[in-house]
PDB file of N, CA and C in Angstrom:
ATOM      1  N   MET A   1     -14.995  13.634 -30.406  1.00  0.00           N
ATOM      2  CA  MET A   1     -14.610  14.375 -29.221  1.00  0.00           C
ATOM      3  C   MET A   1     -15.050  13.574 -27.991  1.00  0.00           C
ATOM      4  N   PHE A   2     -14.168  13.525 -27.013  1.00  0.00           N
ATOM      5  CA  PHE A   2     -14.435  12.785 -25.785  1.00  0.00           C
ATOM      6  C   PHE A   2     -14.304  13.717 -24.593  1.00  0.00           C
ATOM      7  N   ALA A   3     -15.010  13.392 -23.560  1.00  0.00           N
ATOM      8  CA  ALA A   3     -14.920  14.166 -22.323  1.00  0.00           C
ATOM      9  C   ALA A   3     -15.022  13.217 -21.140  1.00  0.00           C
ATOM     10  N   ARG A   4     -14.339  13.564 -20.094  1.00  0.00           N
ATOM     11  CA  ARG A   4     -14.430  12.811 -18.846  1.00  0.00           C
ATOM     12  C   ARG A   4     -15.220  13.685 -17.889  1.00  0.00           C
ATOM     13  N   ILE A   5     -16.352  13.168 -17.448  1.00  0.00           N
ATOM     14  CA  ILE A   5     -17.258  13.962 -16.622  1.00  0.00           C
ATOM     15  C   ILE A   5     -17.361  13.324 -15.242  1.00  0.00           C
ATOM     16  N   ARG A   6     -17.349  14.169 -14.251  1.00  0.00           N
ATOM     17  CA  ARG A   6     -17.526  13.708 -12.877  1.00  0.00           C
ATOM     18  C   ARG A   6     -18.725  14.457 -12.306  1.00  0.00           C
ATOM     19  N   VAL A   7     -19.725  13.694 -11.893  1.00  0.00           N
ATOM     20  CA  VAL A   7     -20.965  14.288 -11.414  1.00  0.00           C
ATOM     21  C   VAL A   7     -21.120  13.993  -9.930  1.00  0.00           C
ATOM     22  N   ASP A   8     -21.408  15.002  -9.161  1.00  0.00           N
ATOM     23  CA  ASP A   8     -21.671  14.837  -7.736  1.00  0.00           C
ATOM     24  C   ASP A   8     -23.149  14.501  -7.576  1.00  0.00           C
ATOM     25  N   LEU A   9     -23.425  13.273  -7.162  1.00  0.00           N
ATOM     26  CA  LEU A   9     -24.803  12.827  -7.004  1.00  0.00           C
ATOM     27  C   LEU A   9     -25.304  12.998  -5.577  1.00  0.00           C
ATOM     28  N   GLY A  10     -24.591  13.759  -4.792  1.00  0.00           N
ATOM     29  CA  GLY A  10     -25.005  14.010  -3.424  1.00  0.00           C
ATOM     30  C   GLY A  10     -24.316  13.092  -2.437  1.00  0.00           C
ATOM     31  N   THR A  11     -24.776  13.112  -1.219  1.00  0.00           N
ATOM     32  CA  THR A  11     -24.202  12.286  -0.171  1.00  0.00           C
ATOM     33  C   THR A  11     -25.165  11.160   0.180  1.00  0.00           C
ATOM     34  N   ARG A  12     -24.611  10.086   0.702  1.00  0.00           N
ATOM     35  CA  ARG A  12     -25.412   8.951   1.121  1.00  0.00           C
ATOM     36  C   ARG A  12     -25.224   8.787   2.625  1.00  0.00           C
ATOM     37  N   PRO A  13     -26.251   9.038   3.393  1.00  0.00           N
ATOM     38  CA  PRO A  13     -26.107   8.903   4.848  1.00  0.00           C
ATOM     39  C   PRO A  13     -25.934   7.443   5.247  1.00  0.00           C
ATOM     40  N   ASP A  14     -25.257   7.244   6.355  1.00  0.00           N
ATOM     41  CA  ASP A  14     -25.059   5.911   6.941  1.00  0.00           C
ATOM     42  C   ASP A  14     -24.307   4.950   6.029  1.00  0.00           C
ATOM     43  N   CYS A  15     -23.349   5.455   5.268  1.00  0.00           N
ATOM     44  CA  CYS A  15     -22.505   4.616   4.423  1.00  0.00           C
ATOM     45  C   CYS A  15     -21.046   4.850   4.806  1.00  0.00           C
ATOM     46  N   ILE A  16     -20.254   3.827   4.612  1.00  0.00           N
ATOM     47  CA  ILE A  16     -18.838   3.889   4.925  1.00  0.00           C
ATOM     48  C   ILE A  16     -18.068   3.550   3.663  1.00  0.00           C
ATOM     49  N   VAL A  17     -16.931   4.196   3.460  1.00  0.00           N
ATOM     50  CA  VAL A  17     -16.077   3.928   2.308  1.00  0.00           C
ATOM     51  C   VAL A  17     -14.814   3.237   2.803  1.00  0.00           C
ATOM     52  N   VAL A  18     -14.467   2.095   2.168  1.00  0.00           N
ATOM     53  CA  VAL A  18     -13.240   1.379   2.511  1.00  0.00           C
ATOM     54  C   VAL A  18     -12.425   1.161   1.247  1.00  0.00           C
ATOM     55  N   LEU A  19     -11.132   0.926   1.419  1.00  0.00           N
ATOM     56  CA  LEU A  19     -10.267   0.669   0.275  1.00  0.00           C
ATOM     57  C   LEU A  19     -10.711  -0.607  -0.435  1.00  0.00           C
ATOM     58  N   GLU A  20     -10.595  -0.579  -1.742  1.00  0.00           N
ATOM     59  CA  GLU A  20     -11.029  -1.704  -2.565  1.00  0.00           C
ATOM     60  C   GLU A  20     -10.320  -3.003  -2.194  1.00  0.00           C
ATOM     61  N   ARG A  21      -9.045  -2.919  -1.835  1.00  0.00           N
ATOM     62  CA  ARG A  21      -8.289  -4.135  -1.518  1.00  0.00           C
ATOM     63  C   ARG A  21      -8.724  -4.775  -0.197  1.00  0.00           C
ATOM     64  N   ALA A  22      -9.517  -4.074   0.609  1.00  0.00           N
ATOM     65  CA  ALA A  22     -10.009  -4.636   1.860  1.00  0.00           C
ATOM     66  C   ALA A  22     -11.242  -5.508   1.640  1.00  0.00           C
ATOM     67  N   VAL A  23     -11.864  -5.399   0.471  1.00  0.00           N
ATOM     68  CA  VAL A  23     -13.104  -6.117   0.184  1.00  0.00           C
ATOM     69  C   VAL A  23     -12.793  -7.372  -0.639  1.00  0.00           C
ATOM     70  N   THR A  24     -13.328  -8.497  -0.190  1.00  0.00           N
ATOM     71  CA  THR A  24     -13.161  -9.770  -0.888  1.00  0.00           C
ATOM     72  C   THR A  24     -14.500 -10.187  -1.470  1.00  0.00           C
ATOM     73  N   GLU A  25     -14.490 -10.616  -2.739  1.00  0.00           N
ATOM     74  CA  GLU A  25     -15.710 -11.074  -3.393  1.00  0.00           C
ATOM     75  C   GLU A  25     -15.622 -12.582  -3.583  1.00  0.00           C
ATOM     76  N   LEU A  26     -16.677 -13.290  -3.198  1.00  0.00           N
ATOM     77  CA  LEU A  26     -16.722 -14.736  -3.354  1.00  0.00           C
ATOM     78  C   LEU A  26     -18.137 -15.123  -3.778  1.00  0.00           C
ATOM     79  N   GLN A  27     -18.269 -15.618  -5.003  1.00  0.00           N
ATOM     80  CA  GLN A  27     -19.537 -16.057  -5.564  1.00  0.00           C
ATOM     81  C   GLN A  27     -20.631 -15.002  -5.444  1.00  0.00           C
ATOM     82  N   GLY A  28     -20.276 -13.779  -5.773  1.00  0.00           N
ATOM     83  CA  GLY A  28     -21.256 -12.695  -5.772  1.00  0.00           C
ATOM     84  C   GLY A  28     -21.537 -12.073  -4.419  1.00  0.00           C
ATOM     85  N   ARG A  29     -20.895 -12.563  -3.385  1.00  0.00           N
ATOM     86  CA  ARG A  29     -21.052 -11.977  -2.043  1.00  0.00           C
ATOM     87  C   ARG A  29     -19.765 -11.273  -1.672  1.00  0.00           C
ATOM     88  N   TYR A  30     -19.860 -10.235  -0.883  1.00  0.00           N
ATOM     89  CA  TYR A  30     -18.708  -9.416  -0.518  1.00  0.00           C
ATOM     90  C   TYR A  30     -18.470  -9.496   0.982  1.00  0.00           C
ATOM     91  N   PHE A  31     -17.168  -9.528   1.344  1.00  0.00           N
ATOM     92  CA  PHE A  31     -16.773  -9.660   2.741  1.00  0.00           C
ATOM     93  C   PHE A  31     -15.620  -8.705   3.046  1.00  0.00           C
ATOM     94  N   VAL A  32     -15.510  -8.325   4.310  1.00  0.00           N
ATOM     95  CA  VAL A  32     -14.326  -7.622   4.812  1.00  0.00           C
ATOM     96  C   VAL A  32     -13.902  -8.319   6.099  1.00  0.00           C
ATOM     97  N   TRP A  33     -12.618  -8.195   6.424  1.00  0.00           N
ATOM     98  CA  TRP A  33     -12.100  -8.696   7.691  1.00  0.00           C
ATOM     99  C   TRP A  33     -12.063  -7.530   8.667  1.00  0.00           C
ATOM    100  N   THR A  34     -12.598  -7.734   9.856  1.00  0.00           N
ATOM    101  CA  THR A  34     -12.581  -6.697  10.880  1.00  0.00           C
ATOM    102  C   THR A  34     -11.856  -7.225  12.111  1.00  0.00           C
ATOM    103  N   LEU A  35     -11.435  -6.292  12.954  1.00  0.00           N
ATOM    104  CA  LEU A  35     -10.797  -6.658  14.221  1.00  0.00           C
ATOM    105  C   LEU A  35     -11.812  -6.493  15.342  1.00  0.00           C
ATOM    106  N   GLY A  36     -11.994  -7.555  16.078  1.00  0.00           N
ATOM    107  CA  GLY A  36     -12.918  -7.523  17.201  1.00  0.00           C
ATOM    108  C   GLY A  36     -12.172  -7.360  18.506  1.00  0.00           C
ATOM    109  N   ALA A  37     -12.764  -7.889  19.554  1.00  0.00           N
ATOM    110  CA  ALA A  37     -12.160  -7.822  20.877  1.00  0.00           C
ATOM    111  C   ALA A  37     -10.836  -8.571  20.878  1.00  0.00           C
ATOM    112  N   GLU A  38      -9.902  -8.055  21.612  1.00  0.00           N
ATOM    113  CA  GLU A  38      -8.568  -8.651  21.756  1.00  0.00           C
ATOM    114  C   GLU A  38      -7.858  -8.808  20.416  1.00  0.00           C
ATOM    115  N   ASP A  39      -8.166  -7.933  19.457  1.00  0.00           N
ATOM    116  CA  ASP A  39      -7.531  -7.913  18.130  1.00  0.00           C
ATOM    117  C   ASP A  39      -7.655  -9.241  17.391  1.00  0.00           C
ATOM    118  N   LYS A  40      -8.801  -9.902  17.527  1.00  0.00           N
ATOM    119  CA  LYS A  40      -9.056 -11.148  16.806  1.00  0.00           C
ATOM    120  C   LYS A  40      -9.831 -10.840  15.529  1.00  0.00           C
ATOM    121  N   ALA A  41      -9.434 -11.494  14.437  1.00  0.00           N
ATOM    122  CA  ALA A  41     -10.036 -11.251  13.123  1.00  0.00           C
ATOM    123  C   ALA A  41     -11.385 -11.947  13.003  1.00  0.00           C
ATOM    124  N   THR A  42     -12.308 -11.245  12.360  1.00  0.00           N
ATOM    125  CA  THR A  42     -13.633 -11.779  12.086  1.00  0.00           C
ATOM    126  C   THR A  42     -14.026 -11.381  10.670  1.00  0.00           C
ATOM    127  N   GLN A  43     -14.510 -12.338   9.888  1.00  0.00           N
ATOM    128  CA  GLN A  43     -14.969 -12.023   8.545  1.00  0.00           C
ATOM    129  C   GLN A  43     -16.429 -11.595   8.623  1.00  0.00           C
ATOM    130  N   ARG A  44     -16.735 -10.496   7.928  1.00  0.00           N
ATOM    131  CA  ARG A  44     -18.081  -9.959   7.998  1.00  0.00           C
ATOM    132  C   ARG A  44     -18.627  -9.721   6.592  1.00  0.00           C
ATOM    133  N   ALA A  45     -19.848 -10.173   6.347  1.00  0.00           N
ATOM    134  CA  ALA A  45     -20.507  -9.936   5.066  1.00  0.00           C
ATOM    135  C   ALA A  45     -20.944  -8.474   5.003  1.00  0.00           C
ATOM    136  N   VAL A  46     -20.747  -7.850   3.842  1.00  0.00           N
ATOM    137  CA  VAL A  46     -21.140  -6.458   3.648  1.00  0.00           C
ATOM    138  C   VAL A  46     -21.932  -6.324   2.351  1.00  0.00           C
ATOM    139  N   LYS A  47     -22.699  -5.275   2.282  1.00  0.00           N
ATOM    140  CA  LYS A  47     -23.406  -4.922   1.049  1.00  0.00           C
ATOM    141  C   LYS A  47     -22.675  -3.734   0.449  1.00  0.00           C
ATOM    142  N   VAL A  48     -22.161  -3.922  -0.769  1.00  0.00           N
ATOM    143  CA  VAL A  48     -21.395  -2.856  -1.407  1.00  0.00           C
ATOM    144  C   VAL A  48     -22.289  -2.051  -2.332  1.00  0.00           C
ATOM    145  N   GLY A  49     -21.901  -0.799  -2.477  1.00  0.00           N
ATOM    146  CA  GLY A  49     -22.589   0.095  -3.410  1.00  0.00           C
ATOM    147  C   GLY A  49     -21.667   0.401  -4.569  1.00  0.00           C
ATOM    148  N   ALA A  50     -21.537   1.662  -4.864  1.00  0.00           N
ATOM    149  CA  ALA A  50     -20.712   2.104  -5.995  1.00  0.00           C
ATOM    150  C   ALA A  50     -19.227   1.983  -5.668  1.00  0.00           C
ATOM    151  N   ARG A  51     -18.432   1.813  -6.717  1.00  0.00           N
ATOM    152  CA  ARG A  51     -16.974   1.806  -6.592  1.00  0.00           C
ATOM    153  C   ARG A  51     -16.507   3.222  -6.906  1.00  0.00           C
ATOM    154  N   LEU A  52     -15.706   3.790  -6.016  1.00  0.00           N
ATOM    155  CA  LEU A  52     -15.288   5.186  -6.139  1.00  0.00           C
ATOM    156  C   LEU A  52     -13.777   5.299  -6.100  1.00  0.00           C
ATOM    157  N   GLU A  53     -13.130   5.371  -7.250  1.00  0.00           N
ATOM    158  CA  GLU A  53     -11.681   5.610  -7.340  1.00  0.00           C
ATOM    159  C   GLU A  53     -10.874   4.724  -6.405  1.00  0.00           C
ATOM    160  N   GLY A  54     -11.003   3.424  -6.548  1.00  0.00           N
ATOM    161  CA  GLY A  54     -10.221   2.501  -5.728  1.00  0.00           C
ATOM    162  C   GLY A  54     -10.819   2.236  -4.359  1.00  0.00           C
ATOM    163  N   GLN A  55     -12.048   2.643  -4.159  1.00  0.00           N
ATOM    164  CA  GLN A  55     -12.715   2.429  -2.877  1.00  0.00           C
ATOM    165  C   GLN A  55     -14.117   1.891  -3.135  1.00  0.00           C
ATOM    166  N   TRP A  56     -14.658   1.165  -2.155  1.00  0.00           N
ATOM    167  CA  TRP A  56     -16.029   0.670  -2.226  1.00  0.00           C
ATOM    168  C   TRP A  56     -16.884   1.436  -1.232  1.00  0.00           C
ATOM    169  N   LEU A  57     -18.073   1.746  -1.650  1.00  0.00           N
ATOM    170  CA  LEU A  57     -19.071   2.314  -0.762  1.00  0.00           C
ATOM    171  C   LEU A  57     -19.766   1.143  -0.071  1.00  0.00           C
ATOM    172  N   ILE A  58     -19.680   1.076   1.240  1.00  0.00           N
ATOM    173  CA  ILE A  58     -20.297  -0.008   2.009  1.00  0.00           C
ATOM    174  C   ILE A  58     -21.633   0.497   2.532  1.00  0.00           C
ATOM    175  N   GLU A  59     -22.701  -0.111   2.055  1.00  0.00           N
ATOM    176  CA  GLU A  59     -24.045   0.338   2.431  1.00  0.00           C
ATOM    177  C   GLU A  59     -24.557  -0.339   3.692  1.00  0.00           C
ATOM    178  N   ASP A  60     -24.086  -1.571   3.948  1.00  0.00           N
ATOM    179  CA  ASP A  60     -24.565  -2.297   5.118  1.00  0.00           C
ATOM    180  C   ASP A  60     -23.511  -3.318   5.547  1.00  0.00           C
ATOM    181  N   GLY A  61     -23.421  -3.581   6.833  1.00  0.00           N
ATOM    182  CA  GLY A  61     -22.508  -4.596   7.347  1.00  0.00           C
ATOM    183  C   GLY A  61     -21.394  -4.041   8.211  1.00  0.00           C
ATOM    184  N   LEU A  62     -21.116  -2.750   8.113  1.00  0.00           N
ATOM    185  CA  LEU A  62     -20.120  -2.094   8.962  1.00  0.00           C
ATOM    186  C   LEU A  62     -20.775  -0.945   9.692  1.00  0.00           C
ATOM    187  N   LYS A  63     -20.190  -0.618  10.824  1.00  0.00           N
ATOM    188  CA  LYS A  63     -20.670   0.564  11.552  1.00  0.00           C
ATOM    189  C   LYS A  63     -19.482   1.450  11.887  1.00  0.00           C
ATOM    190  N   VAL A  64     -19.748   2.668  12.234  1.00  0.00           N
ATOM    191  CA  VAL A  64     -18.697   3.615  12.573  1.00  0.00           C
ATOM    192  C   VAL A  64     -17.887   3.067  13.735  1.00  0.00           C
ATOM    193  N   GLY A  65     -16.569   3.101  13.599  1.00  0.00           N
ATOM    194  CA  GLY A  65     -15.687   2.620  14.648  1.00  0.00           C
ATOM    195  C   GLY A  65     -15.163   1.215  14.406  1.00  0.00           C
ATOM    196  N   ASP A  66     -15.747   0.471  13.450  1.00  0.00           N
ATOM    197  CA  ASP A  66     -15.221  -0.852  13.121  1.00  0.00           C
ATOM    198  C   ASP A  66     -13.833  -0.709  12.517  1.00  0.00           C
ATOM    199  N   ARG A  67     -12.937  -1.593  12.914  1.00  0.00           N
ATOM    200  CA  ARG A  67     -11.574  -1.588  12.367  1.00  0.00           C
ATOM    201  C   ARG A  67     -11.486  -2.636  11.273  1.00  0.00           C
ATOM    202  N   VAL A  68     -11.174  -2.184  10.061  1.00  0.00           N
ATOM    203  CA  VAL A  68     -11.137  -3.054   8.887  1.00  0.00           C
ATOM    204  C   VAL A  68      -9.689  -3.381   8.554  1.00  0.00           C
ATOM    205  N   ILE A  69      -9.413  -4.659   8.292  1.00  0.00           N
ATOM    206  CA  ILE A  69      -8.073  -5.094   7.896  1.00  0.00           C
ATOM    207  C   ILE A  69      -7.904  -4.806   6.416  1.00  0.00           C
ATOM    208  N   VAL A  70      -6.827  -4.085   6.075  1.00  0.00           N
ATOM    209  CA  VAL A  70      -6.580  -3.676   4.695  1.00  0.00           C
ATOM    210  C   VAL A  70      -5.422  -4.449   4.082  1.00  0.00           C
ATOM    211  N   GLU A  71      -4.376  -4.702   4.831  1.00  0.00           N
ATOM    212  CA  GLU A  71      -3.191  -5.410   4.331  1.00  0.00           C
ATOM    213  C   GLU A  71      -3.140  -6.822   4.915  1.00  0.00           C
ATOM    214  N   GLY A  72      -2.687  -7.771   4.107  1.00  0.00           N
ATOM    215  CA  GLY A  72      -2.503  -9.135   4.579  1.00  0.00           C
ATOM    216  C   GLY A  72      -3.782  -9.935   4.685  1.00  0.00           C
ATOM    217  N   THR A  73      -4.816  -9.530   3.957  1.00  0.00           N
ATOM    218  CA  THR A  73      -6.096 -10.234   4.060  1.00  0.00           C
ATOM    219  C   THR A  73      -6.017 -11.670   3.562  1.00  0.00           C
ATOM    220  N   GLN A  74      -5.060 -11.974   2.675  1.00  0.00           N
ATOM    221  CA  GLN A  74      -4.933 -13.337   2.155  1.00  0.00           C
ATOM    222  C   GLN A  74      -4.384 -14.304   3.211  1.00  0.00           C
ATOM    223  N   LYS A  75      -3.771 -13.781   4.273  1.00  0.00           N
ATOM    224  CA  LYS A  75      -3.189 -14.637   5.305  1.00  0.00           C
ATOM    225  C   LYS A  75      -4.058 -14.758   6.558  1.00  0.00           C
ATOM    226  N   VAL A  76      -4.985 -13.864   6.747  1.00  0.00           N
ATOM    227  CA  VAL A  76      -5.764 -13.832   7.978  1.00  0.00           C
ATOM    228  C   VAL A  76      -6.809 -14.957   7.982  1.00  0.00           C
ATOM    229  N   ARG A  77      -7.068 -15.492   9.152  1.00  0.00           N
ATOM    230  CA  ARG A  77      -8.053 -16.557   9.340  1.00  0.00           C
ATOM    231  C   ARG A  77      -8.987 -16.163  10.487  1.00  0.00           C
ATOM    232  N   GLU A  78     -10.168 -16.741  10.487  1.00  0.00           N
ATOM    233  CA  GLU A  78     -11.162 -16.449  11.521  1.00  0.00           C
ATOM    234  C   GLU A  78     -10.586 -16.720  12.905  1.00  0.00           C
ATOM    235  N   GLY A  79     -10.657 -15.724  13.782  1.00  0.00           N
ATOM    236  CA  GLY A  79     -10.190 -15.857  15.155  1.00  0.00           C
ATOM    237  C   GLY A  79      -8.703 -15.651  15.361  1.00  0.00           C
ATOM    238  N   SER A  80      -7.940 -15.450  14.275  1.00  0.00           N
ATOM    239  CA  SER A  80      -6.502 -15.247  14.442  1.00  0.00           C
ATOM    240  C   SER A  80      -6.227 -13.875  15.047  1.00  0.00           C
ATOM    241  N   VAL A  81      -5.187 -13.808  15.862  1.00  0.00           N
ATOM    242  CA  VAL A  81      -4.812 -12.558  16.510  1.00  0.00           C
ATOM    243  C   VAL A  81      -3.971 -11.745  15.532  1.00  0.00           C
ATOM    244  N   VAL A  82      -4.324 -10.470  15.377  1.00  0.00           N
ATOM    245  CA  VAL A  82      -3.669  -9.576  14.428  1.00  0.00           C
ATOM    246  C   VAL A  82      -3.045  -8.420  15.189  1.00  0.00           C
ATOM    247  N   THR A  83      -1.867  -7.992  14.754  1.00  0.00           N
ATOM    248  CA  THR A  83      -1.239  -6.812  15.339  1.00  0.00           C
ATOM    249  C   THR A  83      -1.634  -5.607  14.489  1.00  0.00           C
ATOM    250  N   PRO A  84      -2.553  -4.776  14.968  1.00  0.00           N
ATOM    251  CA  PRO A  84      -3.003  -3.640  14.152  1.00  0.00           C
ATOM    252  C   PRO A  84      -1.929  -2.559  14.057  1.00  0.00           C
ATOM    253  N   MET A  85      -1.834  -1.960  12.868  1.00  0.00           N
ATOM    254  CA  MET A  85      -0.885  -0.869  12.627  1.00  0.00           C
ATOM    255  C   MET A  85      -1.588   0.200  11.798  1.00  0.00           C
ATOM    256  N   THR A  86      -1.247   1.451  12.053  1.00  0.00           N
ATOM    257  CA  THR A  86      -1.760   2.538  11.232  1.00  0.00           C
ATOM    258  C   THR A  86      -0.949   2.605   9.944  1.00  0.00           C
ATOM    259  N   ALA A  87      -1.388   3.416   8.994  1.00  0.00           N
ATOM    260  CA  ALA A  87      -0.662   3.568   7.727  1.00  0.00           C
ATOM    261  C   ALA A  87       0.746   4.108   7.979  1.00  0.00           C
ATOM    262  N   ALA A  88       0.890   5.031   8.915  1.00  0.00           N
ATOM    263  CA  ALA A  88       2.207   5.596   9.233  1.00  0.00           C
ATOM    264  C   ALA A  88       3.126   4.522   9.824  1.00  0.00           C
ATOM    265  N   GLU A  89       2.586   3.675  10.701  1.00  0.00           N
ATOM    266  CA  GLU A  89       3.380   2.601  11.283  1.00  0.00           C
ATOM    267  C   GLU A  89       3.781   1.574  10.226  1.00  0.00           C
ATOM    268  N   MET A  90       2.899   1.308   9.267  1.00  0.00           N
ATOM    269  CA  MET A  90       3.219   0.382   8.168  1.00  0.00           C
ATOM    270  C   MET A  90       4.363   0.940   7.323  1.00  0.00           C
ATOM    271  N   ALA A  91       4.326   2.229   7.014  1.00  0.00           N
ATOM    272  CA  ALA A  91       5.385   2.856   6.220  1.00  0.00           C
ATOM    273  C   ALA A  91       6.713   2.801   6.961  1.00  0.00           C
ATOM    274  N   GLN A  92       6.678   3.047   8.258  1.00  0.00           N
ATOM    275  CA  GLN A  92       7.891   3.013   9.065  1.00  0.00           C
ATOM    276  C   GLN A  92       8.465   1.593   9.117  1.00  0.00           C
ATOM    277  N   ALA A  93       7.608   0.591   9.257  1.00  0.00           N
ATOM    278  CA  ALA A  93       8.066  -0.799   9.286  1.00  0.00           C
ATOM    279  C   ALA A  93       8.649  -1.204   7.934  1.00  0.00           C
ATOM    280  N   ALA A  94       8.035  -0.749   6.839  1.00  0.00           N
ATOM    281  CA  ALA A  94       8.546  -1.070   5.500  1.00  0.00           C
ATOM    282  C   ALA A  94       9.908  -0.430   5.277  1.00  0.00           C
ATOM    283  N   ALA A  95      10.079   0.802   5.756  1.00  0.00           N
ATOM    284  CA  ALA A  95      11.363   1.486   5.615  1.00  0.00           C
ATOM    285  C   ALA A  95      12.439   0.780   6.432  1.00  0.00           C
ATOM    286  N   ALA A  96      12.085   0.330   7.618  1.00  0.00           N
ATOM    287  CA  ALA A  96      13.043  -0.390   8.462  1.00  0.00           C
ATOM    288  C   ALA A  96      13.427  -1.720   7.810  1.00  0.00           C
ATOM    289  N   LEU A  97      12.460  -2.405   7.221  1.00  0.00           N
ATOM    290  CA  LEU A  97      12.736  -3.665   6.551  1.00  0.00           C
ATOM    291  C   LEU A  97      13.637  -3.443   5.339  1.00  0.00           C
ATOM    292  N   ALA A  98      13.402  -2.383   4.591  1.00  0.00           N
ATOM    293  CA  ALA A  98      14.229  -2.078   3.419  1.00  0.00           C
ATOM    294  C   ALA A  98      15.666  -1.777   3.844  1.00  0.00           C
ATOM    295  N   GLY A  99      15.850  -1.159   4.987  1.00  0.00           N
ATOM    296  CA  GLY A  99      17.191  -0.867   5.494  1.00  0.00           C
ATOM    297  C   GLY A  99      17.928  -2.112   5.941  1.00  0.00           C
ATOM    298  N   ASP A 100      17.178  -3.185   6.302  1.00  0.00           N
ATOM    299  CA  ASP A 100      17.797  -4.428   6.755  1.00  0.00           C
ATOM    300  C   ASP A 100      18.257  -5.313   5.602  1.00  0.00           C
ATOM    301  N   ILE A 101      17.793  -5.041   4.407  1.00  0.00           N
ATOM    302  CA  ILE A 101      18.172  -5.860   3.261  1.00  0.00           C
ATOM    303  C   ILE A 101      19.638  -5.604   2.939  1.00  0.00           C
ATOM    304  N   VAL A 102      20.409  -6.667   2.852  1.00  0.00           N
ATOM    305  CA  VAL A 102      21.833  -6.550   2.569  1.00  0.00           C
ATOM    306  C   VAL A 102      22.010  -6.344   1.077  1.00  0.00           C
ATOM    307  N   LYS A 103      22.686  -5.274   0.715  1.00  0.00           N
ATOM    308  CA  LYS A 103      22.933  -4.985  -0.689  1.00  0.00           C
ATOM    309  C   LYS A 103      24.245  -5.638  -1.100  1.00  0.00           C
ATOM    310  N   PRO A 104      24.311  -6.207  -2.308  1.00  0.00           N
ATOM    311  CA  PRO A 104      25.551  -6.841  -2.762  1.00  0.00           C
ATOM    312  C   PRO A 104      26.652  -5.808  -2.934  1.00  0.00           C
ATOM    313  N   ALA A 105      27.882  -6.270  -2.764  1.00  0.00           N
ATOM    314  CA  ALA A 105      29.030  -5.371  -2.907  1.00  0.00           C
ATOM    315  C   ALA A 105      29.078  -4.837  -4.333  1.00  0.00           C
ATOM    316  N   ALA A 106      29.466  -3.589  -4.475  1.00  0.00           N
ATOM    317  CA  ALA A 106      29.501  -2.953  -5.789  1.00  0.00           C
ATOM    318  C   ALA A 106      30.581  -3.567  -6.667  1.00  0.00           C
ATOM    319  N   HIS A 107      31.700  -3.948  -6.079  1.00  0.00           N
ATOM    320  CA  HIS A 107      32.792  -4.528  -6.855  1.00  0.00           C
ATOM    321  C   HIS A 107      33.199  -5.856  -6.219  1.00  0.00           C
ATOM    322  N   ALA A 108      33.120  -6.913  -7.001  1.00  0.00           N
ATOM    323  CA  ALA A 108      33.537  -8.225  -6.507  1.00  0.00           C
ATOM    324  C   ALA A 108      35.043  -8.348  -6.652  1.00  0.00           C
ATOM    325  N   GLU A 109      35.632  -9.126  -5.754  1.00  0.00           N
ATOM    326  CA  GLU A 109      37.073  -9.328  -5.840  1.00  0.00           C
ATOM    327  C   GLU A 109      37.390 -10.155  -7.074  1.00  0.00           C
ATOM    328  N   LYS A 110      38.518  -9.859  -7.707  1.00  0.00           N
ATOM    329  CA  LYS A 110      38.942 -10.627  -8.877  1.00  0.00           C
ATOM    330  C   LYS A 110      39.535 -11.945  -8.411  1.00  0.00           C
ATOM    331  N   SER A 111      39.221 -12.999  -9.136  1.00  0.00           N
ATOM    332  CA  SER A 111      39.684 -14.321  -8.739  1.00  0.00           C
ATOM    333  C   SER A 111      41.111 -14.633  -9.187  1.00  0.00           C
ATOM    334  N   GLY A 112      41.664 -13.810 -10.038  1.00  0.00           N
ATOM    335  CA  GLY A 112      43.007 -14.043 -10.505  1.00  0.00           C
ATOM    336  C   GLY A 112      43.066 -14.891 -11.757  1.00  0.00           C
ATOM    337  N   LYS A 113      41.950 -15.445 -12.179  1.00  0.00           N
ATOM    338  CA  LYS A 113      41.902 -16.256 -13.379  1.00  0.00           C
ATOM    339  C   LYS A 113      41.561 -15.345 -14.563  1.00  0.00           C
ATOM    340  N   PRO A 114      42.255 -15.526 -15.694  1.00  0.00           N
ATOM    341  CA  PRO A 114      41.955 -14.683 -16.845  1.00  0.00           C
ATOM    342  C   PRO A 114      40.544 -14.948 -17.354  1.00  0.00           C
ATOM    343  N   GLY A 115      39.870 -13.856 -17.746  1.00  0.00           N
ATOM    344  CA  GLY A 115      38.540 -13.958 -18.299  1.00  0.00           C
ATOM    345  C   GLY A 115      37.442 -14.043 -17.248  1.00  0.00           C
ATOM    346  N   LYS A 116      37.806 -14.129 -16.008  1.00  0.00           N
ATOM    347  CA  LYS A 116      36.813 -14.180 -14.917  1.00  0.00           C
ATOM    348  C   LYS A 116      36.851 -12.868 -14.158  1.00  0.00           C
ATOM    349  N   GLU A 117      35.750 -12.203 -14.109  1.00  0.00           N
ATOM    350  CA  GLU A 117      35.680 -10.937 -13.377  1.00  0.00           C
ATOM    351  C   GLU A 117      34.477 -10.895 -12.497  1.00  0.00           C
TER     352      GLU A 117
END
C-alpha cells in the first residue's frame, strides 16, 4: 500500500519563492537574473532552500520587490537591456505571434500530371 502525504511544516519568514525555470545552477551554486535600473539584467547569486512543486524557496539573495527574469534566461547577458512583460502580456504576445503564422493551403492545386496530387 502506498500513500502520498503532504505535510505543512509551517511558514518561513523572509523567504521568497520563484519559478524553478528562473533559477540556474552552475557547479553547485545557484543564480537568478534580475532587472535593475533602466531594465538592465544582472545575475545574482542566491541561496536556495526546498523545491516546492516547480518552484524554489529562495532563502537569501533576493529581496521583496526584486524583478526576476523567468523567460529567455538562456539569451540574457550581464548589462543587457530587457523589455519586461507580465504573464498576461506574454500570453497576448504569444497569441499574436501564433496568428501571424501562415498556415498552408488545405488543398493544393493539381498539376495536371497523372499520379501527382
